[in-house]
Amino acid sequence: MSRYETVEKAIWADPEFEALPPDAKLLYLWAFTNPLCGLAGIYKVSEIRMQRDTGLPGARASKALAQLADATFVVREGPRLWVRSRVKYMVNHGSKIAAGIAAEVGKLDTPDSIRSAFLEKYGDEVWLRDALAPLRESSEPYGSTEPKPDRVSIGSMDPMHGVLESKVGVVAVPDTSGESNGLGFEREGSANVEQAVLAKLVAVADARDAAQPSEQAIRRAIADVPDVDHLAVAVDLEFWALHGSGANRRKMGVANTYRNFCKRAAQDQRTASPGSGSQHPSDLAAAKWRQRAKQWAIEDGEVVP
């Protein structure tokens, strides 16, 4: 369902906003109104998505983002973006809106720097005070208290240049083999592969507001299709789900989709051209990733074939 976004016209009288360069103003209005931005203005987004949606080239988008951060309009922490004045310029101050904001903020881990900063900034707002009070008084997350899996520093690839961008970096996966697969990951065989894949897919589910994949489901998918580079497949799925044709699908089961991607990767390896047998499967996956990513970019109108 489409969502209508109302921007308080008072923003144009804000001297700090008025002082921003044109690119920063454009990026801020996008950050405020794009479909990833919820009521609290806290969400995960890549710079690739910012560039694609605003039309700003990489360097200009990065500079505009830095200008917004310097002016404290936004906070950028890893893959997360907090539009600090998102709540400030809301027109509707109803109780349902307040409850929705509290629910979104409460989903953040505890402790969490953005969560703490949000409560400090808006906890005393008259229309938000009652809704945010339980979050300020308790150190426990709002809503579900089930523990989340450890997040692993993996990365997502710039589809055109192969640049790795950190997505959920907290703990780096140790490289026990001494070899890289061309995507910035260790080769298959690490004891942490399952957790690394799970962390990547949890991030995809968070970004798509989909059901979280279970560790058991991912373990079964890996066991059923053992002869593929499972980390590369997870990155493949991430780009498809967030930036490729899969981004247009309203509903997606992350675990089942991952299993299908593994099966497709295995089929791709079996039908690989003669003479490629000396290459490691992950090297083939890296090459195919770039080819697919370029095709998706063409389909999405990002580049001209």
Protein backbone atom coordinates (compact mmCIF):
# COMPACT_ATOMS: atom_id res chain seq x y z
CA MET A 1 0.00 0.00 0.00
CA SER A 2 1.32 3.45 -0.87
CA ARG A 3 2.21 5.75 2.01
CA TYR A 4 1.65 9.47 1.88
CA GLU A 5 4.31 11.57 3.60
CA THR A 6 3.61 15.07 4.85
CA VAL A 7 6.60 17.35 5.38
CA GLU A 8 6.11 20.31 7.70
CA LYS A 9 6.59 23.45 5.61
CA ALA A 10 8.38 25.07 8.54
CA ILE A 11 11.49 23.18 7.47
CA TRP A 12 12.08 25.81 4.78
CA ALA A 13 12.26 28.47 7.50
CA ASP A 14 14.85 26.51 9.46
CA PRO A 15 18.11 28.50 9.11
CA GLU A 16 20.21 25.36 9.44
CA PHE A 17 18.30 23.65 6.62
CA GLU A 18 18.43 26.82 4.55
CA ALA A 19 22.23 26.84 4.90
CA LEU A 20 22.61 23.35 3.45
CA PRO A 21 23.95 22.97 -0.12
CA PRO A 22 21.41 21.81 -2.75
CA ASP A 23 22.67 18.21 -2.81
CA ALA A 24 22.35 17.91 0.96
CA LYS A 25 18.80 19.33 0.86
CA LEU A 26 17.86 16.79 -1.82
CA LEU A 27 19.37 13.90 0.11
CA TYR A 28 17.68 14.99 3.33
CA LEU A 29 14.23 15.19 1.72
CA TRP A 30 14.84 11.75 0.22
CA ALA A 31 16.00 10.39 3.60
CA PHE A 32 12.79 11.74 5.17
CA THR A 33 10.32 10.51 2.55
CA ASN A 34 11.72 7.30 1.01
CA PRO A 35 9.80 4.05 1.68
CA LEU A 36 12.50 2.65 3.97
CA CYS A 37 12.03 5.48 6.48
CA GLY A 38 9.65 4.57 9.28
CA LEU A 39 7.98 6.77 11.86
CA ALA A 40 11.09 7.08 14.02
CA GLY A 41 13.36 7.79 11.04
CA ILE A 42 15.78 4.95 11.88
CA TYR A 43 16.49 2.41 9.16
CA LYS A 44 19.16 0.52 7.24
CA VAL A 45 20.16 1.76 3.81
CA SER A 46 23.21 1.53 1.59
CA GLU A 47 24.85 4.45 -0.17
CA ILE A 48 24.20 2.60 -3.41
CA ARG A 49 20.45 2.95 -2.76
CA MET A 50 20.89 6.65 -1.92
CA GLN A 51 22.73 7.25 -5.18
CA ARG A 52 20.20 5.33 -7.26
CA ASP A 53 17.12 7.00 -5.77
CA THR A 54 18.44 10.58 -5.76
CA GLY A 55 20.47 10.44 -8.96
CA LEU A 56 23.50 11.85 -7.13
CA PRO A 57 26.83 10.34 -8.25
CA GLY A 58 28.87 8.51 -5.64
CA ALA A 59 31.20 11.33 -4.56
CA ARG A 60 28.39 13.91 -4.42
CA ALA A 61 26.13 11.59 -2.44
CA SER A 62 28.90 10.82 0.06
CA LYS A 63 29.68 14.53 0.45
CA ALA A 64 26.00 15.41 0.92
CA LEU A 65 25.63 12.68 3.54
CA ALA A 66 28.68 13.99 5.40
CA GLN A 67 27.25 17.53 5.29
CA LEU A 68 23.97 16.32 6.78
CA ALA A 69 25.82 14.47 9.52
CA ASP A 70 28.00 17.51 10.29
CA ALA A 71 24.85 19.64 10.59
CA THR A 72 23.30 16.95 12.86
CA PHE A 73 20.35 16.39 10.53
CA VAL A 74 21.26 12.68 10.35
CA VAL A 75 23.36 10.13 12.19
CA ARG A 76 25.13 7.47 10.13
CA GLU A 77 26.21 4.40 12.09
CA GLY A 78 27.32 1.44 9.98
CA PRO A 79 24.43 0.52 7.67
CA ARG A 80 21.92 2.51 9.75
CA LEU A 81 20.69 6.02 9.14
CA TRP A 82 18.79 8.08 11.71
CA VAL A 83 17.02 11.14 10.36
CA ARG A 84 17.14 13.11 13.61
CA SER A 85 14.57 15.72 12.64
CA ARG A 86 12.15 13.18 11.17
CA VAL A 87 9.96 13.31 14.29
CA LYS A 88 10.50 17.05 14.78
CA TYR A 89 8.82 17.91 11.46
CA MET A 90 5.89 15.49 11.79
CA VAL A 91 2.50 17.11 11.30
CA ASN A 92 0.43 14.39 13.01
CA HIS A 93 1.06 14.13 16.77
CA GLY A 94 -1.64 11.57 17.55
CA SER A 95 -1.41 8.78 20.12
CA LYS A 96 -1.23 6.07 17.43
CA ILE A 97 1.74 7.80 15.81
CA ALA A 98 3.43 8.07 19.21
CA ALA A 99 2.84 4.38 19.86
CA GLY A 100 4.24 3.49 16.44
CA ILE A 101 7.38 5.51 17.08
CA ALA A 102 7.86 3.84 20.47
CA ALA A 103 7.45 0.41 18.88
CA GLU A 104 10.12 1.14 16.26
CA VAL A 105 12.60 2.55 18.75
CA GLY A 106 11.92 -0.34 21.13
CA LYS A 107 12.99 -2.88 18.53
CA LEU A 108 16.55 -1.59 18.74
CA ASP A 109 19.03 -3.51 20.83
CA THR A 110 19.87 -2.46 24.37
CA PRO A 111 22.28 -0.81 24.83
CA ASP A 112 22.26 1.03 21.51
CA SER A 113 23.73 4.46 20.84
CA ILE A 114 20.99 5.57 18.42
CA ARG A 115 18.25 4.32 20.73
CA SER A 116 19.77 6.23 23.66
CA ALA A 117 20.24 9.39 21.59
CA PHE A 118 16.65 9.22 20.31
CA LEU A 119 15.23 8.89 23.82
CA GLU A 120 17.40 11.74 25.03
CA LYS A 121 16.23 14.00 22.19
CA TYR A 122 12.51 13.15 22.19
CA GLY A 123 11.81 11.54 25.56
CA ASP A 124 10.48 14.79 27.05
CA GLU A 125 8.31 15.80 24.09
CA VAL A 126 4.80 16.26 25.48
CA TRP A 127 3.06 14.14 22.85
CA LEU A 128 5.69 11.37 23.04
CA ARG A 129 6.43 11.33 26.77
CA ASP A 130 3.93 8.65 27.79
CA ALA A 131 4.70 6.35 24.86
CA LEU A 132 8.47 6.54 25.37
CA ALA A 133 8.40 6.39 29.18
CA PRO A 134 8.61 2.55 29.37
CA LEU A 135 11.67 2.60 27.11
CA ARG A 136 13.43 5.19 29.24
CA GLU A 137 12.69 3.32 32.45
CA SER A 138 13.68 -0.14 31.25
CA SER A 139 16.92 -1.45 29.82
CA GLU A 140 15.03 -4.23 28.02
CA PRO A 141 13.98 -3.92 24.35
CA TYR A 142 10.37 -2.97 23.64
CA GLY A 143 8.37 -5.99 22.44
CA SER A 144 10.19 -9.27 21.77
CA THR A 145 13.12 -10.08 24.05
CA GLU A 146 14.41 -13.06 22.10
CA PRO A 147 18.19 -12.87 21.70
CA LYS A 148 19.46 -11.99 18.25
CA PRO A 149 22.34 -13.90 16.60
CA ASP A 150 25.78 -12.37 16.63
CA ARG A 151 26.20 -10.14 13.62
CA VAL A 152 29.19 -10.70 11.46
CA SER A 153 31.17 -8.27 9.35
CA ILE A 154 30.43 -9.43 5.85
CA GLY A 155 29.63 -6.87 3.18
CA SER A 156 27.64 -6.15 0.08
CA MET A 157 29.14 -5.50 -3.29
CA ASP A 158 28.79 -2.40 -5.39
CA PRO A 159 27.26 -4.11 -8.46
CA MET A 160 29.36 -2.19 -10.99
CA HIS A 161 32.73 -1.89 -9.31
CA GLY A 162 33.04 -4.73 -6.83
CA VAL A 163 33.50 -2.36 -3.90
CA LEU A 164 32.68 -3.95 -0.56
CA GLU A 165 30.46 -1.92 1.72
CA SER A 166 29.99 -2.94 5.36
CA LYS A 167 26.39 -3.90 6.10
CA VAL A 168 26.19 -5.42 9.59
CA GLY A 169 29.74 -5.14 10.86
CA VAL A 170 30.32 -6.10 14.47
CA VAL A 171 32.47 -9.22 14.61
CA ALA A 172 34.78 -10.17 11.74
CA VAL A 173 34.65 -13.78 10.55
CA PRO A 174 38.09 -15.33 11.04
CA ASP A 175 39.72 -16.58 7.85
CA THR A 176 40.87 -20.06 8.75
CA SER A 177 41.87 -21.12 5.25
CA GLY A 178 44.13 -18.24 4.30
CA GLU A 179 42.29 -17.83 0.99
CA SER A 180 39.78 -15.27 -0.20
CA ASN A 181 36.90 -16.06 -2.51
CA GLY A 182 36.95 -12.73 -4.34
CA LEU A 183 34.00 -11.33 -2.40
CA GLY A 184 35.95 -10.50 0.75
CA PHE A 185 34.99 -13.72 2.55
CA GLU A 186 36.94 -16.80 3.58
CA ARG A 187 36.35 -19.93 1.58
CA GLU A 188 33.85 -22.59 2.61
CA GLY A 189 34.90 -24.65 5.60
CA SER A 190 35.01 -22.00 8.33
CA ALA A 191 33.21 -23.01 11.50
CA ASN A 192 31.40 -19.67 11.34
CA VAL A 193 29.89 -20.03 7.86
CA GLU A 194 26.40 -20.83 9.14
CA GLN A 195 26.41 -17.87 11.53
CA ALA A 196 27.81 -15.57 8.84
CA VAL A 197 25.08 -16.59 6.39
CA LEU A 198 22.42 -16.25 9.09
CA ALA A 199 23.63 -12.76 10.02
CA LYS A 200 23.47 -11.66 6.38
CA LEU A 201 19.95 -13.07 5.93
CA VAL A 202 18.74 -11.55 9.21
CA ALA A 203 19.88 -8.18 7.86
CA VAL A 204 17.93 -8.80 4.63
CA ALA A 205 14.82 -9.75 6.61
CA ASP A 206 15.16 -6.61 8.74
CA ALA A 207 15.46 -4.41 5.66
CA ARG A 208 12.43 -6.06 4.02
CA ASP A 209 10.38 -6.27 7.23
CA ALA A 210 10.09 -10.01 6.60
CA ALA A 211 10.01 -12.96 9.00
CA GLN A 212 13.40 -13.73 10.51
CA PRO A 213 15.04 -16.91 9.12
CA SER A 214 15.73 -19.54 11.76
CA GLU A 215 19.15 -21.04 12.33
CA GLN A 216 17.70 -24.50 11.75
CA ALA A 217 16.26 -23.55 8.36
CA ILE A 218 19.58 -22.08 7.19
CA ARG A 219 21.50 -25.10 8.47
CA ARG A 220 19.18 -27.41 6.52
CA ALA A 221 19.58 -25.34 3.34
CA ILE A 222 23.38 -25.48 3.65
CA ALA A 223 23.31 -29.23 4.34
CA ASP A 224 20.94 -29.94 1.42
CA VAL A 225 23.11 -28.02 -1.08
CA PRO A 226 26.68 -28.40 0.25
CA ASP A 227 28.71 -27.77 -2.91
CA VAL A 228 28.23 -24.03 -3.31
CA ASP A 229 29.81 -20.95 -1.76
CA HIS A 230 27.09 -20.23 0.78
CA LEU A 231 28.34 -16.77 1.72
CA ALA A 232 28.49 -15.70 -1.91
CA VAL A 233 24.95 -16.99 -2.39
CA ALA A 234 23.78 -14.96 0.63
CA VAL A 235 25.28 -11.80 -0.88
CA ASP A 236 23.66 -12.71 -4.21
CA LEU A 237 20.29 -12.93 -2.47
CA GLU A 238 20.84 -9.66 -0.61
CA PHE A 239 21.41 -7.65 -3.76
CA TRP A 240 18.46 -9.29 -5.50
CA ALA A 241 16.15 -8.65 -2.54
CA LEU A 242 17.19 -5.05 -1.83
CA HIS A 243 18.37 -3.64 -5.17
CA GLY A 244 17.43 -6.11 -7.93
CA SER A 245 14.13 -7.39 -9.27
CA GLY A 246 13.28 -8.98 -5.92
CA ALA A 247 12.96 -5.53 -4.34
CA ASN A 248 9.59 -5.18 -6.10
CA ARG A 249 8.12 -8.26 -4.40
CA ARG A 250 5.80 -7.44 -1.54
CA LYS A 251 6.34 -10.67 0.39
CA MET A 252 9.39 -12.89 0.63
CA GLY A 253 10.33 -15.89 2.75
CA VAL A 254 14.04 -15.32 3.29
CA ALA A 255 14.91 -18.89 4.29
CA ASN A 256 13.05 -20.50 1.37
CA THR A 257 14.44 -17.96 -1.07
CA TYR A 258 17.96 -18.68 0.18
CA ARG A 259 17.42 -22.42 -0.36
CA ASN A 260 16.27 -21.75 -3.94
CA PHE A 261 19.30 -19.54 -4.57
CA CYS A 262 21.59 -22.33 -3.32
CA LYS A 263 19.94 -24.80 -5.69
CA ARG A 264 20.30 -22.36 -8.59
CA ALA A 265 23.97 -21.81 -7.74
CA ALA A 266 24.56 -25.56 -7.72
CA GLN A 267 22.87 -25.86 -11.11
CA ASP A 268 25.01 -23.01 -12.44
CA GLN A 269 28.16 -24.83 -11.33
CA ARG A 270 27.08 -28.07 -13.00
CA THR A 271 26.46 -26.26 -16.29
CA ALA A 272 29.68 -24.18 -16.15
CA SER A 273 31.58 -23.93 -19.41
CA PRO A 274 34.37 -26.49 -20.12
CA GLY A 275 37.75 -25.47 -18.84
CA SER A 276 36.44 -23.77 -15.73
CA GLY A 277 36.91 -26.86 -13.59
CA SER A 278 40.26 -25.64 -12.26
CA GLN A 279 38.59 -22.63 -10.66
CA HIS A 280 37.31 -22.73 -7.12
CA PRO A 281 33.48 -22.64 -7.01
CA SER A 282 33.61 -19.38 -5.06
CA ASP A 283 35.68 -17.76 -7.82
CA LEU A 284 32.99 -18.78 -10.30
CA ALA A 285 30.35 -17.38 -7.95
CA ALA A 286 32.18 -14.06 -7.77
CA ALA A 287 32.32 -13.79 -11.56
CA LYS A 288 28.66 -14.72 -11.94
CA TRP A 289 27.74 -12.27 -9.18
CA ARG A 290 29.26 -9.41 -11.14
CA GLN A 291 27.54 -10.54 -14.33
CA ARG A 292 24.16 -10.84 -12.65
CA ALA A 293 24.56 -7.58 -10.75
CA LYS A 294 25.31 -5.76 -13.98
CA GLN A 295 22.25 -7.31 -15.63
CA TRP A 296 20.06 -6.27 -12.68
CA ALA A 297 21.44 -2.75 -12.91
CA ILE A 298 20.53 -2.68 -16.61
CA GLU A 299 17.01 -3.98 -15.87
CA ASP A 300 16.56 -1.36 -13.14
CA GLY A 301 17.66 1.40 -15.52
CA GLU A 302 20.81 2.24 -13.57
CA VAL A 303 23.13 1.77 -16.52
CA VAL A 304 22.83 1.61 -20.27
CA PRO A 305 23.75 -1.82 -21.72
